[in-house]
Amino acid sequence: MNSLVTFARRGADSPINQWLNDNPLVLGGIMLAIGALLLGSGVYELRSGVTHDKRGNVIPGGMGKFTSILRIVCGLGVCGFGLYKLMAG
């Protein structure tokens, strides 16, 4: 865990950030995969009517529906960013 915190503190000039700037297709692909997971889980939970939080507990009622819709919107946003990085390069 300590190495992740150290890795995150390196900032915009870190070697991994420079590599991702040089290879935007990789960043776009990663973002597209994350967005697809968010979008898929949001659609699945909205259609099934049962939404779970990060600990696996069921979120009841309107808050569950709101959480599913929020996951769909965030998934679309992340997919949009991934497509932008793929196209703009």
PDB file of N, CA and C in Angstrom:
ATOM      1  N   MET A   1       0.821  -1.187   0.000  1.00  0.00           N
ATOM      2  CA  MET A   1       0.000   0.000   0.000  1.00  0.00           C
ATOM      3  C   MET A   1       0.865   1.250   0.000  1.00  0.00           C
ATOM      4  N   ASN A   2       1.949   1.197   0.717  1.00  0.00           N
ATOM      5  CA  ASN A   2       2.838   2.348   0.793  1.00  0.00           C
ATOM      6  C   ASN A   2       3.426   2.673  -0.574  1.00  0.00           C
ATOM      7  N   SER A   3       3.710   1.653  -1.376  1.00  0.00           N
ATOM      8  CA  SER A   3       4.267   1.899  -2.707  1.00  0.00           C
ATOM      9  C   SER A   3       3.245   2.568  -3.613  1.00  0.00           C
ATOM     10  N   LEU A   4       1.941   2.258  -3.441  1.00  0.00           N
ATOM     11  CA  LEU A   4       0.907   2.921  -4.238  1.00  0.00           C
ATOM     12  C   LEU A   4       0.803   4.397  -3.899  1.00  0.00           C
ATOM     13  N   VAL A   5       0.913   4.730  -2.624  1.00  0.00           N
ATOM     14  CA  VAL A   5       0.861   6.133  -2.217  1.00  0.00           C
ATOM     15  C   VAL A   5       2.081   6.866  -2.766  1.00  0.00           C
ATOM     16  N   THR A   6       3.246   6.252  -2.685  1.00  0.00           N
ATOM     17  CA  THR A   6       4.451   6.857  -3.231  1.00  0.00           C
ATOM     18  C   THR A   6       4.337   7.016  -4.743  1.00  0.00           C
ATOM     19  N   PHE A   7       3.771   6.023  -5.409  1.00  0.00           N
ATOM     20  CA  PHE A   7       3.586   6.082  -6.859  1.00  0.00           C
ATOM     21  C   PHE A   7       2.639   7.211  -7.239  1.00  0.00           C
ATOM     22  N   ALA A   8       1.592   7.420  -6.447  1.00  0.00           N
ATOM     23  CA  ALA A   8       0.612   8.460  -6.750  1.00  0.00           C
ATOM     24  C   ALA A   8       1.162   9.853  -6.497  1.00  0.00           C
ATOM     25  N   ARG A   9       2.137   9.990  -5.642  1.00  0.00           N
ATOM     26  CA  ARG A   9       2.685  11.303  -5.301  1.00  0.00           C
ATOM     27  C   ARG A   9       3.711  11.807  -6.303  1.00  0.00           C
ATOM     28  N   ARG A  10       4.109  11.012  -7.234  1.00  0.00           N
ATOM     29  CA  ARG A  10       5.178  11.416  -8.146  1.00  0.00           C
ATOM     30  C   ARG A  10       4.751  12.525  -9.099  1.00  0.00           C
ATOM     31  N   GLY A  11       3.456  12.649  -9.351  1.00  0.00           N
ATOM     32  CA  GLY A  11       2.946  13.776 -10.124  1.00  0.00           C
ATOM     33  C   GLY A  11       2.995  13.572 -11.620  1.00  0.00           C
ATOM     34  N   ALA A  12       2.835  14.671 -12.333  1.00  0.00           N
ATOM     35  CA  ALA A  12       2.712  14.635 -13.789  1.00  0.00           C
ATOM     36  C   ALA A  12       4.028  14.296 -14.486  1.00  0.00           C
ATOM     37  N   ASP A  13       5.140  14.445 -13.802  1.00  0.00           N
ATOM     38  CA  ASP A  13       6.437  14.179 -14.429  1.00  0.00           C
ATOM     39  C   ASP A  13       6.940  12.764 -14.172  1.00  0.00           C
ATOM     40  N   SER A  14       6.095  11.911 -13.618  1.00  0.00           N
ATOM     41  CA  SER A  14       6.534  10.550 -13.334  1.00  0.00           C
ATOM     42  C   SER A  14       6.720   9.781 -14.648  1.00  0.00           C
ATOM     43  N   PRO A  15       7.551   8.772 -14.641  1.00  0.00           N
ATOM     44  CA  PRO A  15       7.795   8.013 -15.874  1.00  0.00           C
ATOM     45  C   PRO A  15       6.541   7.358 -16.451  1.00  0.00           C
ATOM     46  N   ILE A  16       5.647   6.867 -15.588  1.00  0.00           N
ATOM     47  CA  ILE A  16       4.441   6.223 -16.111  1.00  0.00           C
ATOM     48  C   ILE A  16       3.531   7.246 -16.775  1.00  0.00           C
ATOM     49  N   ASN A  17       3.441   8.453 -16.219  1.00  0.00           N
ATOM     50  CA  ASN A  17       2.628   9.491 -16.851  1.00  0.00           C
ATOM     51  C   ASN A  17       3.227   9.938 -18.178  1.00  0.00           C
ATOM     52  N   GLN A  18       4.524  10.015 -18.256  1.00  0.00           N
ATOM     53  CA  GLN A  18       5.184  10.352 -19.519  1.00  0.00           C
ATOM     54  C   GLN A  18       4.933   9.267 -20.553  1.00  0.00           C
ATOM     55  N   TRP A  19       4.985   8.002 -20.119  1.00  0.00           N
ATOM     56  CA  TRP A  19       4.745   6.896 -21.041  1.00  0.00           C
ATOM     57  C   TRP A  19       3.311   6.913 -21.549  1.00  0.00           C
ATOM     58  N   LEU A  20       2.348   7.190 -20.655  1.00  0.00           N
ATOM     59  CA  LEU A  20       0.959   7.270 -21.077  1.00  0.00           C
ATOM     60  C   LEU A  20       0.722   8.451 -22.009  1.00  0.00           C
ATOM     61  N   ASN A  21       1.432   9.554 -21.803  1.00  0.00           N
ATOM     62  CA  ASN A  21       1.328  10.683 -22.732  1.00  0.00           C
ATOM     63  C   ASN A  21       1.891  10.315 -24.103  1.00  0.00           C
ATOM     64  N   ASP A  22       2.921   9.500 -24.120  1.00  0.00           N
ATOM     65  CA  ASP A  22       3.511   9.068 -25.394  1.00  0.00           C
ATOM     66  C   ASP A  22       2.684   7.981 -26.077  1.00  0.00           C
ATOM     67  N   ASN A  23       1.884   7.238 -25.329  1.00  0.00           N
ATOM     68  CA  ASN A  23       1.060   6.139 -25.848  1.00  0.00           C
ATOM     69  C   ASN A  23      -0.411   6.347 -25.476  1.00  0.00           C
ATOM     70  N   PRO A  24      -1.100   7.268 -26.148  1.00  0.00           N
ATOM     71  CA  PRO A  24      -2.486   7.561 -25.763  1.00  0.00           C
ATOM     72  C   PRO A  24      -3.454   6.424 -26.060  1.00  0.00           C
ATOM     73  N   LEU A  25      -3.098   5.507 -26.957  1.00  0.00           N
ATOM     74  CA  LEU A  25      -3.989   4.381 -27.239  1.00  0.00           C
ATOM     75  C   LEU A  25      -4.132   3.467 -26.027  1.00  0.00           C
ATOM     76  N   VAL A  26      -3.068   3.331 -25.248  1.00  0.00           N
ATOM     77  CA  VAL A  26      -3.125   2.508 -24.044  1.00  0.00           C
ATOM     78  C   VAL A  26      -4.045   3.164 -23.021  1.00  0.00           C
ATOM     79  N   LEU A  27      -3.878   4.479 -22.822  1.00  0.00           N
ATOM     80  CA  LEU A  27      -4.730   5.195 -21.882  1.00  0.00           C
ATOM     81  C   LEU A  27      -6.187   5.146 -22.328  1.00  0.00           C
ATOM     82  N   GLY A  28      -6.438   5.330 -23.611  1.00  0.00           N
ATOM     83  CA  GLY A  28      -7.795   5.257 -24.126  1.00  0.00           C
ATOM     84  C   GLY A  28      -8.401   3.877 -23.943  1.00  0.00           C
ATOM     85  N   GLY A  29      -7.617   2.847 -24.167  1.00  0.00           N
ATOM     86  CA  GLY A  29      -8.104   1.480 -23.977  1.00  0.00           C
ATOM     87  C   GLY A  29      -8.424   1.175 -22.527  1.00  0.00           C
ATOM     88  N   ILE A  30      -7.579   1.645 -21.622  1.00  0.00           N
ATOM     89  CA  ILE A  30      -7.828   1.436 -20.192  1.00  0.00           C
ATOM     90  C   ILE A  30      -9.112   2.152 -19.775  1.00  0.00           C
ATOM     91  N   MET A  31      -9.265   3.396 -20.203  1.00  0.00           N
ATOM     92  CA  MET A  31     -10.457   4.166 -19.854  1.00  0.00           C
ATOM     93  C   MET A  31     -11.717   3.556 -20.471  1.00  0.00           C
ATOM     94  N   LEU A  32     -11.595   3.044 -21.676  1.00  0.00           N
ATOM     95  CA  LEU A  32     -12.732   2.404 -22.326  1.00  0.00           C
ATOM     96  C   LEU A  32     -13.153   1.138 -21.575  1.00  0.00           C
ATOM     97  N   ALA A  33     -12.195   0.380 -21.091  1.00  0.00           N
ATOM     98  CA  ALA A  33     -12.505  -0.832 -20.328  1.00  0.00           C
ATOM     99  C   ALA A  33     -13.162  -0.491 -18.990  1.00  0.00           C
ATOM    100  N   ILE A  34     -12.632   0.515 -18.287  1.00  0.00           N
ATOM    101  CA  ILE A  34     -13.223   0.926 -17.015  1.00  0.00           C
ATOM    102  C   ILE A  34     -14.632   1.468 -17.232  1.00  0.00           C
ATOM    103  N   GLY A  35     -14.803   2.281 -18.269  1.00  0.00           N
ATOM    104  CA  GLY A  35     -16.123   2.829 -18.567  1.00  0.00           C
ATOM    105  C   GLY A  35     -17.122   1.750 -18.934  1.00  0.00           C
ATOM    106  N   ALA A  36     -16.673   0.753 -19.680  1.00  0.00           N
ATOM    107  CA  ALA A  36     -17.570  -0.341 -20.052  1.00  0.00           C
ATOM    108  C   ALA A  36     -18.007  -1.133 -18.822  1.00  0.00           C
ATOM    109  N   LEU A  37     -17.101  -1.338 -17.876  1.00  0.00           N
ATOM    110  CA  LEU A  37     -17.472  -2.026 -16.637  1.00  0.00           C
ATOM    111  C   LEU A  37     -18.491  -1.222 -15.841  1.00  0.00           C
ATOM    112  N   LEU A  38     -18.262   0.088 -15.709  1.00  0.00           N
ATOM    113  CA  LEU A  38     -19.221   0.933 -15.002  1.00  0.00           C
ATOM    114  C   LEU A  38     -20.571   0.951 -15.698  1.00  0.00           C
ATOM    115  N   LEU A  39     -20.549   1.121 -16.999  1.00  0.00           N
ATOM    116  CA  LEU A  39     -21.780   1.172 -17.779  1.00  0.00           C
ATOM    117  C   LEU A  39     -22.531  -0.153 -17.694  1.00  0.00           C
ATOM    118  N   GLY A  40     -21.821  -1.240 -17.837  1.00  0.00           N
ATOM    119  CA  GLY A  40     -22.455  -2.557 -17.774  1.00  0.00           C
ATOM    120  C   GLY A  40     -23.051  -2.860 -16.418  1.00  0.00           C
ATOM    121  N   SER A  41     -22.320  -2.529 -15.345  1.00  0.00           N
ATOM    122  CA  SER A  41     -22.865  -2.794 -14.012  1.00  0.00           C
ATOM    123  C   SER A  41     -24.067  -1.909 -13.723  1.00  0.00           C
ATOM    124  N   GLY A  42     -24.033  -0.657 -14.190  1.00  0.00           N
ATOM    125  CA  GLY A  42     -25.169   0.222 -13.979  1.00  0.00           C
ATOM    126  C   GLY A  42     -26.408  -0.244 -14.709  1.00  0.00           C
ATOM    127  N   VAL A  43     -26.251  -0.670 -15.957  1.00  0.00           N
ATOM    128  CA  VAL A  43     -27.396  -1.158 -16.732  1.00  0.00           C
ATOM    129  C   VAL A  43     -27.940  -2.452 -16.139  1.00  0.00           C
ATOM    130  N   TYR A  44     -27.051  -3.357 -15.764  1.00  0.00           N
ATOM    131  CA  TYR A  44     -27.481  -4.627 -15.181  1.00  0.00           C
ATOM    132  C   TYR A  44     -28.269  -4.408 -13.885  1.00  0.00           C
ATOM    133  N   GLU A  45     -27.742  -3.546 -13.020  1.00  0.00           N
ATOM    134  CA  GLU A  45     -28.409  -3.315 -11.743  1.00  0.00           C
ATOM    135  C   GLU A  45     -29.711  -2.542 -11.918  1.00  0.00           C
ATOM    136  N   LEU A  46     -29.776  -1.653 -12.882  1.00  0.00           N
ATOM    137  CA  LEU A  46     -31.013  -0.920 -13.132  1.00  0.00           C
ATOM    138  C   LEU A  46     -32.096  -1.855 -13.666  1.00  0.00           C
ATOM    139  N   ARG A  47     -31.712  -2.764 -14.551  1.00  0.00           N
ATOM    140  CA  ARG A  47     -32.687  -3.708 -15.114  1.00  0.00           C
ATOM    141  C   ARG A  47     -33.131  -4.751 -14.094  1.00  0.00           C
ATOM    142  N   SER A  48     -32.213  -5.201 -13.237  1.00  0.00           N
ATOM    143  CA  SER A  48     -32.575  -6.223 -12.256  1.00  0.00           C
ATOM    144  C   SER A  48     -33.319  -5.624 -11.064  1.00  0.00           C
ATOM    145  N   GLY A  49     -33.145  -4.339 -10.823  1.00  0.00           N
ATOM    146  CA  GLY A  49     -33.824  -3.700  -9.707  1.00  0.00           C
ATOM    147  C   GLY A  49     -33.121  -3.858  -8.380  1.00  0.00           C
ATOM    148  N   VAL A  50     -31.956  -4.476  -8.362  1.00  0.00           N
ATOM    149  CA  VAL A  50     -31.188  -4.671  -7.132  1.00  0.00           C
ATOM    150  C   VAL A  50     -29.812  -4.049  -7.332  1.00  0.00           C
ATOM    151  N   THR A  51     -29.510  -3.043  -6.510  1.00  0.00           N
ATOM    152  CA  THR A  51     -28.222  -2.366  -6.590  1.00  0.00           C
ATOM    153  C   THR A  51     -27.413  -2.690  -5.343  1.00  0.00           C
ATOM    154  N   HIS A  52     -26.125  -2.923  -5.531  1.00  0.00           N
ATOM    155  CA  HIS A  52     -25.242  -3.238  -4.409  1.00  0.00           C
ATOM    156  C   HIS A  52     -24.203  -2.135  -4.254  1.00  0.00           C
ATOM    157  N   ASP A  53     -23.790  -1.900  -3.005  1.00  0.00           N
ATOM    158  CA  ASP A  53     -22.707  -0.956  -2.782  1.00  0.00           C
ATOM    159  C   ASP A  53     -21.371  -1.691  -2.844  1.00  0.00           C
ATOM    160  N   LYS A  54     -20.298  -0.997  -2.494  1.00  0.00           N
ATOM    161  CA  LYS A  54     -18.972  -1.610  -2.639  1.00  0.00           C
ATOM    162  C   LYS A  54     -18.721  -2.749  -1.657  1.00  0.00           C
ATOM    163  N   ARG A  55     -19.510  -2.825  -0.612  1.00  0.00           N
ATOM    164  CA  ARG A  55     -19.358  -3.908   0.355  1.00  0.00           C
ATOM    165  C   ARG A  55     -20.315  -5.066   0.111  1.00  0.00           C
ATOM    166  N   GLY A  56     -21.149  -4.940  -0.926  1.00  0.00           N
ATOM    167  CA  GLY A  56     -22.071  -6.010  -1.269  1.00  0.00           C
ATOM    168  C   GLY A  56     -23.440  -5.879  -0.648  1.00  0.00           C
ATOM    169  N   ASN A  57     -23.669  -4.818   0.111  1.00  0.00           N
ATOM    170  CA  ASN A  57     -24.978  -4.597   0.724  1.00  0.00           C
ATOM    171  C   ASN A  57     -25.952  -4.073  -0.328  1.00  0.00           C
ATOM    172  N   VAL A  58     -27.207  -4.461  -0.212  1.00  0.00           N
ATOM    173  CA  VAL A  58     -28.240  -4.016  -1.148  1.00  0.00           C
ATOM    174  C   VAL A  58     -28.637  -2.584  -0.806  1.00  0.00           C
ATOM    175  N   ILE A  59     -28.696  -1.731  -1.833  1.00  0.00           N
ATOM    176  CA  ILE A  59     -29.149  -0.356  -1.662  1.00  0.00           C
ATOM    177  C   ILE A  59     -30.623  -0.330  -2.059  1.00  0.00           C
ATOM    178  N   PRO A  60     -31.509  -0.041  -1.121  1.00  0.00           N
ATOM    179  CA  PRO A  60     -32.943  -0.134  -1.422  1.00  0.00           C
ATOM    180  C   PRO A  60     -33.521   1.129  -2.051  1.00  0.00           C
ATOM    181  N   GLY A  61     -34.657   0.960  -2.710  1.00  0.00           N
ATOM    182  CA  GLY A  61     -35.511   2.053  -3.160  1.00  0.00           C
ATOM    183  C   GLY A  61     -34.896   2.995  -4.171  1.00  0.00           C
ATOM    184  N   GLY A  62     -35.247   4.262  -4.002  1.00  0.00           N
ATOM    185  CA  GLY A  62     -34.834   5.298  -4.942  1.00  0.00           C
ATOM    186  C   GLY A  62     -33.337   5.537  -4.959  1.00  0.00           C
ATOM    187  N   MET A  63     -32.684   5.346  -3.810  1.00  0.00           N
ATOM    188  CA  MET A  63     -31.235   5.542  -3.764  1.00  0.00           C
ATOM    189  C   MET A  63     -30.519   4.495  -4.614  1.00  0.00           C
ATOM    190  N   GLY A  64     -31.045   3.280  -4.648  1.00  0.00           N
ATOM    191  CA  GLY A  64     -30.466   2.245  -5.498  1.00  0.00           C
ATOM    192  C   GLY A  64     -30.615   2.577  -6.967  1.00  0.00           C
ATOM    193  N   LYS A  65     -31.789   3.073  -7.341  1.00  0.00           N
ATOM    194  CA  LYS A  65     -32.019   3.469  -8.734  1.00  0.00           C
ATOM    195  C   LYS A  65     -31.122   4.643  -9.107  1.00  0.00           C
ATOM    196  N   PHE A  66     -30.987   5.609  -8.192  1.00  0.00           N
ATOM    197  CA  PHE A  66     -30.106   6.753  -8.436  1.00  0.00           C
ATOM    198  C   PHE A  66     -28.660   6.309  -8.596  1.00  0.00           C
ATOM    199  N   THR A  67     -28.208   5.368  -7.776  1.00  0.00           N
ATOM    200  CA  THR A  67     -26.841   4.863  -7.861  1.00  0.00           C
ATOM    201  C   THR A  67     -26.605   4.166  -9.206  1.00  0.00           C
ATOM    202  N   SER A  68     -27.567   3.399  -9.671  1.00  0.00           N
ATOM    203  CA  SER A  68     -27.435   2.734 -10.972  1.00  0.00           C
ATOM    204  C   SER A  68     -27.354   3.749 -12.108  1.00  0.00           C
ATOM    205  N   ILE A  69     -28.200   4.762 -12.048  1.00  0.00           N
ATOM    206  CA  ILE A  69     -28.181   5.796 -13.085  1.00  0.00           C
ATOM    207  C   ILE A  69     -26.871   6.579 -13.034  1.00  0.00           C
ATOM    208  N   LEU A  70     -26.370   6.848 -11.834  1.00  0.00           N
ATOM    209  CA  LEU A  70     -25.092   7.539 -11.689  1.00  0.00           C
ATOM    210  C   LEU A  70     -23.950   6.711 -12.278  1.00  0.00           C
ATOM    211  N   ARG A  71     -23.993   5.394 -12.079  1.00  0.00           N
ATOM    212  CA  ARG A  71     -22.969   4.530 -12.667  1.00  0.00           C
ATOM    213  C   ARG A  71     -23.044   4.541 -14.190  1.00  0.00           C
ATOM    214  N   ILE A  72     -24.244   4.605 -14.731  1.00  0.00           N
ATOM    215  CA  ILE A  72     -24.407   4.663 -16.184  1.00  0.00           C
ATOM    216  C   ILE A  72     -23.834   5.977 -16.722  1.00  0.00           C
ATOM    217  N   VAL A  73     -24.147   7.083 -16.059  1.00  0.00           N
ATOM    218  CA  VAL A  73     -23.666   8.390 -16.512  1.00  0.00           C
ATOM    219  C   VAL A  73     -22.143   8.471 -16.411  1.00  0.00           C
ATOM    220  N   CYS A  74     -21.593   8.008 -15.304  1.00  0.00           N
ATOM    221  CA  CYS A  74     -20.131   8.017 -15.147  1.00  0.00           C
ATOM    222  C   CYS A  74     -19.468   7.083 -16.151  1.00  0.00           C
ATOM    223  N   GLY A  75     -20.067   5.928 -16.407  1.00  0.00           N
ATOM    224  CA  GLY A  75     -19.530   4.998 -17.400  1.00  0.00           C
ATOM    225  C   GLY A  75     -19.518   5.604 -18.788  1.00  0.00           C
ATOM    226  N   LEU A  76     -20.588   6.333 -19.138  1.00  0.00           N
ATOM    227  CA  LEU A  76     -20.628   7.009 -20.436  1.00  0.00           C
ATOM    228  C   LEU A  76     -19.548   8.088 -20.519  1.00  0.00           C
ATOM    229  N   GLY A  77     -19.353   8.814 -19.418  1.00  0.00           N
ATOM    230  CA  GLY A  77     -18.317   9.843 -19.403  1.00  0.00           C
ATOM    231  C   GLY A  77     -16.919   9.267 -19.560  1.00  0.00           C
ATOM    232  N   VAL A  78     -16.642   8.186 -18.843  1.00  0.00           N
ATOM    233  CA  VAL A  78     -15.321   7.556 -18.934  1.00  0.00           C
ATOM    234  C   VAL A  78     -15.118   6.936 -20.317  1.00  0.00           C
ATOM    235  N   CYS A  79     -16.164   6.325 -20.880  1.00  0.00           N
ATOM    236  CA  CYS A  79     -16.075   5.776 -22.237  1.00  0.00           C
ATOM    237  C   CYS A  79     -15.841   6.900 -23.245  1.00  0.00           C
ATOM    238  N   GLY A  80     -16.511   8.037 -23.045  1.00  0.00           N
ATOM    239  CA  GLY A  80     -16.301   9.184 -23.921  1.00  0.00           C
ATOM    240  C   GLY A  80     -14.874   9.685 -23.877  1.00  0.00           C
ATOM    241  N   PHE A  81     -14.300   9.742 -22.675  1.00  0.00           N
ATOM    242  CA  PHE A  81     -12.902  10.157 -22.553  1.00  0.00           C
ATOM    243  C   PHE A  81     -11.978   9.156 -23.224  1.00  0.00           C
ATOM    244  N   GLY A  82     -12.271   7.868 -23.043  1.00  0.00           N
ATOM    245  CA  GLY A  82     -11.453   6.837 -23.677  1.00  0.00           C
ATOM    246  C   GLY A  82     -11.509   6.915 -25.189  1.00  0.00           C
ATOM    247  N   LEU A  83     -12.708   7.139 -25.732  1.00  0.00           N
ATOM    248  CA  LEU A  83     -12.840   7.292 -27.191  1.00  0.00           C
ATOM    249  C   LEU A  83     -12.128   8.546 -27.686  1.00  0.00           C
ATOM    250  N   TYR A  84     -12.203   9.615 -26.887  1.00  0.00           N
ATOM    251  CA  TYR A  84     -11.497  10.847 -27.243  1.00  0.00           C
ATOM    252  C   TYR A  84      -9.990  10.590 -27.324  1.00  0.00           C
ATOM    253  N   LYS A  85      -9.437   9.902 -26.336  1.00  0.00           N
ATOM    254  CA  LYS A  85      -8.009   9.623 -26.352  1.00  0.00           C
ATOM    255  C   LYS A  85      -7.631   8.705 -27.509  1.00  0.00           C
ATOM    256  N   LEU A  86      -8.533   7.767 -27.853  1.00  0.00           N
ATOM    257  CA  LEU A  86      -8.259   6.884 -28.980  1.00  0.00           C
ATOM    258  C   LEU A  86      -8.267   7.655 -30.302  1.00  0.00           C
ATOM    259  N   MET A  87      -9.215   8.590 -30.443  1.00  0.00           N
ATOM    260  CA  MET A  87      -9.339   9.336 -31.693  1.00  0.00           C
ATOM    261  C   MET A  87      -8.324  10.457 -31.805  1.00  0.00           C
ATOM    262  N   ALA A  88      -8.148  11.222 -30.715  1.00  0.00           N
ATOM    263  CA  ALA A  88      -7.264  12.384 -30.762  1.00  0.00           C
ATOM    264  C   ALA A  88      -5.796  11.961 -30.729  1.00  0.00           C
ATOM    265  N   GLY A  89      -5.529  10.870 -30.031  1.00  0.00           N
ATOM    266  CA  GLY A  89      -4.176  10.322 -29.986  1.00  0.00           C
ATOM    267  C   GLY A  89      -3.231  11.270 -29.408  1.00  0.00           C
TER     268      GLY A  89
END
